[in-house]
């Protein structure tokens, strides 16, 4: 096969992969929690649109309101990486055993094609991110 024809086949294959990956339910859903007292209790802060969370699709290009907060399966207390104070968060974990990763300012519970992240922000708040799909960020 000629090299130019092989390049076109490769580009077409990548294009097909990217177009079909966008049709899958892959997305990130973010919920923002702020501390409410010194004991570590946190409260869900709604987005400016009034929804419980925000869904991010198409590799971060589309942000839209998300109203269905997952039912918590665990209540975890973390020591906030910036404020050094405790913060208690409701998290929803799927069945199975995750690989726990500590990356810069977040703790990631990695289930393979699905992850739950606690992203610690400098103002003392935490974003809980439920991430699914092929193009997950690390």
Protein backbone atom coordinates (compact mmCIF):
# COMPACT_ATOMS: atom_id res chain seq x y z
CA UNK A 1 0.00 0.00 0.00
CA UNK A 2 1.29 3.47 -0.79
CA UNK A 3 2.29 5.62 2.23
CA UNK A 4 -0.09 8.47 1.30
CA UNK A 5 -3.07 6.11 1.10
CA UNK A 6 -2.11 4.58 4.48
CA UNK A 7 -2.04 8.06 6.04
CA UNK A 8 -5.57 8.78 4.80
CA UNK A 9 -6.78 5.47 6.21
CA UNK A 10 -5.19 6.33 9.56
CA UNK A 11 -6.79 9.81 9.60
CA UNK A 12 -10.18 8.35 8.70
CA UNK A 13 -9.87 5.75 11.46
CA UNK A 14 -9.01 8.40 14.06
CA UNK A 15 -11.86 10.61 12.85
CA UNK A 16 -14.31 7.73 13.13
CA UNK A 17 -13.07 6.93 16.63
CA UNK A 18 -13.42 10.54 17.78
CA UNK A 19 -16.88 10.98 16.27
CA UNK A 20 -18.26 7.80 17.85
CA UNK A 21 -16.63 8.52 21.22
CA UNK A 22 -18.58 11.79 21.35
CA UNK A 23 -21.82 9.87 21.05
CA UNK A 24 -21.14 7.78 24.14
CA UNK A 25 -22.27 8.95 27.57
CA UNK A 26 -18.70 9.83 28.52
CA UNK A 27 -18.61 12.97 30.60
CA UNK A 28 -17.47 14.59 33.78
CA UNK A 29 -19.97 15.68 36.40
CA UNK A 30 -18.73 18.15 39.01
CA UNK A 31 -20.24 19.04 42.37
CA UNK A 32 -18.79 21.88 44.46
CA UNK A 33 -18.70 21.53 48.26
CA UNK A 34 -17.78 24.31 50.69
CA UNK A 35 -16.95 23.92 54.39
CA UNK A 36 -19.65 25.21 56.76
CA UNK A 37 -18.03 24.73 60.16
CA UNK A 38 -14.79 23.82 61.92
CA UNK A 39 -15.96 20.22 62.44
CA UNK A 40 -15.51 19.51 58.73
CA UNK A 41 -19.12 19.50 57.61
CA UNK A 42 -19.55 20.59 54.00
CA UNK A 43 -22.49 21.88 52.01
CA UNK A 44 -23.22 21.49 48.31
CA UNK A 45 -23.01 24.86 46.57
CA UNK A 46 -25.28 25.08 43.51
CA UNK A 47 -23.89 26.30 40.20
CA UNK A 48 -24.78 29.83 38.96
CA UNK A 49 -27.57 28.25 36.88
CA UNK A 50 -29.12 26.83 40.07
CA UNK A 51 -28.35 23.18 39.32
CA UNK A 52 -26.68 20.82 41.79
CA UNK A 53 -23.72 20.22 39.49
CA UNK A 54 -22.19 20.80 36.10
CA UNK A 55 -21.67 18.28 33.32
CA UNK A 56 -18.66 18.74 31.06
CA UNK A 57 -18.68 17.01 27.66
CA UNK A 58 -16.83 17.05 24.35
CA UNK A 59 -13.37 17.25 25.91
CA UNK A 60 -14.31 20.29 28.00
CA UNK A 61 -15.97 22.30 25.23
CA UNK A 62 -19.56 21.93 26.48
CA UNK A 63 -20.62 22.86 30.04
CA UNK A 64 -24.25 22.28 30.99
CA UNK A 65 -26.33 22.12 34.19
CA UNK A 66 -26.68 18.72 35.85
CA UNK A 67 -29.55 18.17 38.28
CA UNK A 68 -29.21 14.50 39.30
CA UNK A 69 -26.83 14.27 42.22
CA UNK A 70 -25.80 10.63 42.78
CA UNK A 71 -26.95 8.98 46.00
CA UNK A 72 -23.97 8.80 48.39
CA UNK A 73 -22.68 5.35 49.24
CA UNK A 74 -19.89 6.58 51.54
CA UNK A 75 -19.24 9.61 53.74
CA UNK A 76 -15.49 10.31 53.82
CA UNK A 77 -13.54 12.85 55.84
CA UNK A 78 -10.35 14.23 54.30
CA UNK A 79 -7.73 16.60 55.61
CA UNK A 80 -7.91 19.45 53.10
CA UNK A 81 -4.59 19.80 51.30
CA UNK A 82 -4.56 23.62 51.54
CA UNK A 83 -6.45 24.57 54.71
CA UNK A 84 -5.27 21.47 56.67
CA UNK A 85 -8.78 21.28 58.20
CA UNK A 86 -11.08 18.28 58.01
CA UNK A 87 -13.80 18.24 55.36
CA UNK A 88 -16.50 15.58 55.12
CA UNK A 89 -17.88 14.72 51.68
CA UNK A 90 -20.66 12.42 50.48
CA UNK A 91 -19.31 10.23 47.66
CA UNK A 92 -20.96 7.65 45.44
CA UNK A 93 -18.71 4.71 44.62
CA UNK A 94 -19.54 1.85 42.25
CA UNK A 95 -19.07 -1.78 43.26
CA UNK A 96 -15.48 -2.97 43.14
CA UNK A 97 -12.09 -2.02 44.47
CA UNK A 98 -10.51 1.17 43.13
CA UNK A 99 -6.88 2.04 42.63
CA UNK A 100 -6.34 5.09 44.86
CA UNK A 101 -4.14 7.76 43.30
CA UNK A 102 -2.73 10.92 44.89
CA UNK A 103 -2.09 13.48 42.15
CA UNK A 104 -1.04 17.04 43.03
CA UNK A 105 -4.19 18.56 44.57
CA UNK A 106 -6.60 15.64 44.22
CA UNK A 107 -7.32 12.12 45.37
CA UNK A 108 -8.61 9.81 42.63
CA UNK A 109 -10.52 6.58 43.13
CA UNK A 110 -9.84 4.90 39.79
CA UNK A 111 -12.11 2.03 38.72
CA UNK A 112 -10.65 1.72 35.22
CA UNK A 113 -13.19 3.34 32.89
CA UNK A 114 -14.78 5.29 35.78
CA UNK A 115 -13.26 7.46 38.48
CA UNK A 116 -14.32 9.56 41.44
CA UNK A 117 -12.08 12.51 42.31
CA UNK A 118 -11.86 14.84 45.27
CA UNK A 119 -10.20 17.98 43.87
CA UNK A 120 -9.03 20.30 46.67
CA UNK A 121 -9.20 24.02 45.86
CA UNK A 122 -7.09 26.78 47.41
CA UNK A 123 -10.12 28.51 48.97
CA UNK A 124 -10.79 25.48 51.22
CA UNK A 125 -13.57 24.02 49.07
CA UNK A 126 -13.62 20.72 47.19
CA UNK A 127 -14.92 19.71 43.77
CA UNK A 128 -16.16 16.12 43.61
CA UNK A 129 -15.81 14.90 40.02
CA UNK A 130 -17.44 11.77 38.64
CA UNK A 131 -15.61 10.93 35.44
CA UNK A 132 -16.46 8.28 32.89
CA UNK A 133 -15.45 7.52 29.36
CA UNK A 134 -12.59 6.95 27.00
CA UNK A 135 -11.04 10.42 27.17
CA UNK A 136 -10.81 10.73 30.96
CA UNK A 137 -8.26 13.17 32.29
CA UNK A 138 -5.64 11.66 34.62
